[in-house]
C-alpha atoms as a PDB file:
ATOM      1  CA  MET A   1       0.000   0.000   0.000  1.00  0.00           C
ATOM      2  CA  GLU A   2       1.290   3.388  -0.939  1.00  0.00           C
ATOM      3  CA  PRO A   3       0.586   6.646   0.918  1.00  0.00           C
ATOM      4  CA  GLY A   4      -1.292   7.926  -2.156  1.00  0.00           C
ATOM      5  CA  SER A   5      -3.657   4.961  -2.377  1.00  0.00           C
ATOM      6  CA  GLU A   6      -7.192   5.030  -0.988  1.00  0.00           C
ATOM      7  CA  ALA A   7      -6.636   1.977   1.248  1.00  0.00           C
ATOM      8  CA  PHE A   8      -3.743   3.610   3.084  1.00  0.00           C
ATOM      9  CA  SER A   9      -4.695   4.155   6.729  1.00  0.00           C
ATOM     10  CA  GLY A  10      -1.504   5.433   8.329  1.00  0.00           C
ATOM     11  CA  PRO A  11       2.258   5.101   8.356  1.00  0.00           C
ATOM     12  CA  VAL A  12       3.667   1.744   7.272  1.00  0.00           C
ATOM     13  CA  LEU A  13       6.323   0.063   9.370  1.00  0.00           C
ATOM     14  CA  ALA A  14       8.582  -2.021   7.107  1.00  0.00           C
ATOM     15  CA  LEU A  15       9.914  -5.116   8.857  1.00  0.00           C
ATOM     16  CA  GLY A  16      11.813  -7.141   6.287  1.00  0.00           C
ATOM     17  CA  LYS A  17       9.228  -8.770   4.016  1.00  0.00           C
ATOM     18  CA  HIS A  18       6.375  -7.789   6.354  1.00  0.00           C
ATOM     19  CA  ASN A  19       4.760  -4.359   6.164  1.00  0.00           C
ATOM     20  CA  VAL A  20       2.563  -3.453   9.099  1.00  0.00           C
ATOM     21  CA  ASN A  21       0.096  -0.571   9.024  1.00  0.00           C
ATOM     22  CA  VAL A  22       0.581   1.554  12.101  1.00  0.00           C
ATOM     23  CA  ASN A  23      -2.642   3.247  13.140  1.00  0.00           C
ATOM     24  CA  LYS A  24      -4.657   3.820  16.281  1.00  0.00           C
ATOM     25  CA  GLU A  25      -6.457   0.462  15.983  1.00  0.00           C
ATOM     26  CA  ASN A  26      -3.346  -1.745  16.200  1.00  0.00           C
ATOM     27  CA  ALA A  27      -0.741   0.484  17.850  1.00  0.00           C
ATOM     28  CA  MET A  28       0.066  -0.732  21.388  1.00  0.00           C
ATOM     29  CA  LYS A  29      -3.104  -2.828  21.585  1.00  0.00           C
ATOM     30  CA  LYS A  30      -2.749  -5.534  24.245  1.00  0.00           C
ATOM     31  CA  ASN A  31      -1.826  -8.827  22.606  1.00  0.00           C
ATOM     32  CA  MET A  32      -0.658 -10.902  25.587  1.00  0.00           C
ATOM     33  CA  GLY A  33      -2.825 -13.166  27.701  1.00  0.00           C
ATOM     34  CA  THR A  34      -2.639 -13.597  31.468  1.00  0.00           C
ATOM     35  CA  MET A  35      -0.521 -16.763  31.335  1.00  0.00           C
ATOM     36  CA  ASP A  36       1.959 -15.235  28.869  1.00  0.00           C
ATOM     37  CA  ARG A  37       2.306 -12.123  31.030  1.00  0.00           C
ATOM     38  CA  SER A  38       2.693 -14.138  34.244  1.00  0.00           C
ATOM     39  CA  VAL A  39       5.401 -16.390  32.797  1.00  0.00           C
ATOM     40  CA  ARG A  40       7.360 -13.363  31.585  1.00  0.00           C
ATOM     41  CA  VAL A  41       7.187 -11.570  34.940  1.00  0.00           C
ATOM     42  CA  ILE A  42       8.161 -14.737  36.856  1.00  0.00           C
ATOM     43  CA  ALA A  43      11.077 -15.335  34.448  1.00  0.00           C
ATOM     44  CA  ALA A  44      12.233 -11.731  34.984  1.00  0.00           C
ATOM     45  CA  ILE A  45      12.100 -12.169  38.763  1.00  0.00           C
ATOM     46  CA  VAL A  46      14.060 -15.448  38.599  1.00  0.00           C
ATOM     47  CA  ILE A  47      16.708 -13.817  36.382  1.00  0.00           C
ATOM     48  CA  ALA A  48      16.967 -10.871  38.794  1.00  0.00           C
ATOM     49  CA  ILE A  49      17.397 -13.219  41.774  1.00  0.00           C
ATOM     50  CA  LEU A  50      20.114 -15.176  39.955  1.00  0.00           C
ATOM     51  CA  ILE A  51      21.984 -11.971  39.149  1.00  0.00           C
ATOM     52  CA  VAL A  52      21.650 -10.498  42.653  1.00  0.00           C
ATOM     53  CA  THR A  53      22.865 -13.728  44.277  1.00  0.00           C
ATOM     54  CA  LYS A  54      25.780 -13.748  41.788  1.00  0.00           C
ATOM     55  CA  THR A  55      24.777 -17.152  40.423  1.00  0.00           C
ATOM     56  CA  LEU A  56      24.909 -15.476  37.022  1.00  0.00           C
ATOM     57  CA  ALA A  57      27.829 -13.204  36.245  1.00  0.00           C
ATOM     58  CA  GLY A  58      29.642 -11.582  33.350  1.00  0.00           C
ATOM     59  CA  THR A  59      28.286 -11.403  29.843  1.00  0.00           C
ATOM     60  CA  LEU A  60      25.570 -13.973  30.496  1.00  0.00           C
ATOM     61  CA  ALA A  61      24.260 -11.921  33.420  1.00  0.00           C
ATOM     62  CA  PHE A  62      24.277  -8.786  31.274  1.00  0.00           C
ATOM     63  CA  VAL A  63      22.412 -10.405  28.359  1.00  0.00           C
ATOM     64  CA  LEU A  64      19.883 -12.164  30.594  1.00  0.00           C
ATOM     65  CA  GLY A  65      19.462  -8.962  32.630  1.00  0.00           C
ATOM     66  CA  ILE A  66      18.448  -7.077  29.480  1.00  0.00           C
ATOM     67  CA  LEU A  67      16.135  -9.924  28.468  1.00  0.00           C
ATOM     68  CA  GLY A  68      14.642  -9.974  31.977  1.00  0.00           C
ATOM     69  CA  GLY A  69      14.021  -6.232  31.785  1.00  0.00           C
ATOM     70  CA  ILE A  70      12.242  -6.656  28.464  1.00  0.00           C
ATOM     71  CA  PHE A  71      10.180  -9.521  29.918  1.00  0.00           C
ATOM     72  CA  LEU A  72       9.241  -7.365  32.902  1.00  0.00           C
ATOM     73  CA  VAL A  73       8.143  -4.400  30.778  1.00  0.00           C
ATOM     74  CA  THR A  74       6.200  -6.457  28.213  1.00  0.00           C
ATOM     75  CA  GLY A  75       4.572  -8.484  30.981  1.00  0.00           C
ATOM     76  CA  ALA A  76       3.534  -5.347  32.855  1.00  0.00           C
ATOM     77  CA  VAL A  77       2.228  -3.539  29.765  1.00  0.00           C
ATOM     78  CA  GLY A  78       0.610  -6.573  28.101  1.00  0.00           C
ATOM     79  CA  PHE A  79       2.007  -5.755  24.663  1.00  0.00           C
ATOM     80  CA  CYS A  80       4.745  -7.591  22.745  1.00  0.00           C
ATOM     81  CA  SER A  81       5.933  -5.784  19.633  1.00  0.00           C
ATOM     82  CA  LEU A  82       7.354  -9.010  18.165  1.00  0.00           C
ATOM     83  CA  TYR A  83       3.821 -10.412  17.921  1.00  0.00           C
ATOM     84  CA  VAL A  84       2.589  -7.555  15.690  1.00  0.00           C
ATOM     85  CA  PRO A  85       4.236  -8.448  12.332  1.00  0.00           C
ATOM     86  CA  PHE A  86       2.942 -12.001  12.635  1.00  0.00           C
ATOM     87  CA  LYS A  87      -0.539 -10.895  13.800  1.00  0.00           C
ATOM     88  CA  PHE A  88      -0.124 -13.188  16.804  1.00  0.00           C
ATOM     89  CA  SER A  89      -1.901 -12.795  20.128  1.00  0.00           C
ATOM     90  CA  THR A  90      -2.214 -14.882  23.284  1.00  0.00           C
ATOM     91  CA  LYS A  91      -4.989 -12.705  24.683  1.00  0.00           C
ATOM     92  CA  LYS A  92      -8.349 -14.439  25.057  1.00  0.00           C
ATOM     93  CA  LYS A  93     -11.223 -13.297  22.897  1.00  0.00           C
ATOM     94  CA  ASN A  94     -14.663 -14.733  23.756  1.00  0.00           C
ATOM     95  CA  GLY A  95     -13.218 -17.552  25.848  1.00  0.00           C
ATOM     96  CA  ILE A  96     -10.554 -18.732  23.364  1.00  0.00           C
ATOM     97  CA  THR A  97      -7.103 -17.378  22.682  1.00  0.00           C
ATOM     98  CA  ALA A  98      -6.600 -15.518  19.429  1.00  0.00           C
ATOM     99  CA  ALA A  99      -3.805 -17.972  18.558  1.00  0.00           C
ATOM    100  CA  GLN A 100      -6.375 -20.814  18.543  1.00  0.00           C
ATOM    101  CA  SER A 101      -8.791 -19.056  16.206  1.00  0.00           C
END
């Protein structure tokens, strides 16, 4: 879709072969279910404990610390930007997860 076309509804985010329309309907819309969010937050807490107790150190601690921070933020917000290009969601809609439909 080109900006001059009638079907264009906002800026287009180019992600490799996938183009994603960025508009108010799909920008930062929650796409994570309760279980997904809980697992991410618990994983972030476990990583933090391992770093604080010095069980993890060095480069591995640094990389997992960044990953744990990302897990914590995405779990708290309920939005994972990596799900958007694939139109994936673990949030329940009418009793079933969107991934099942």
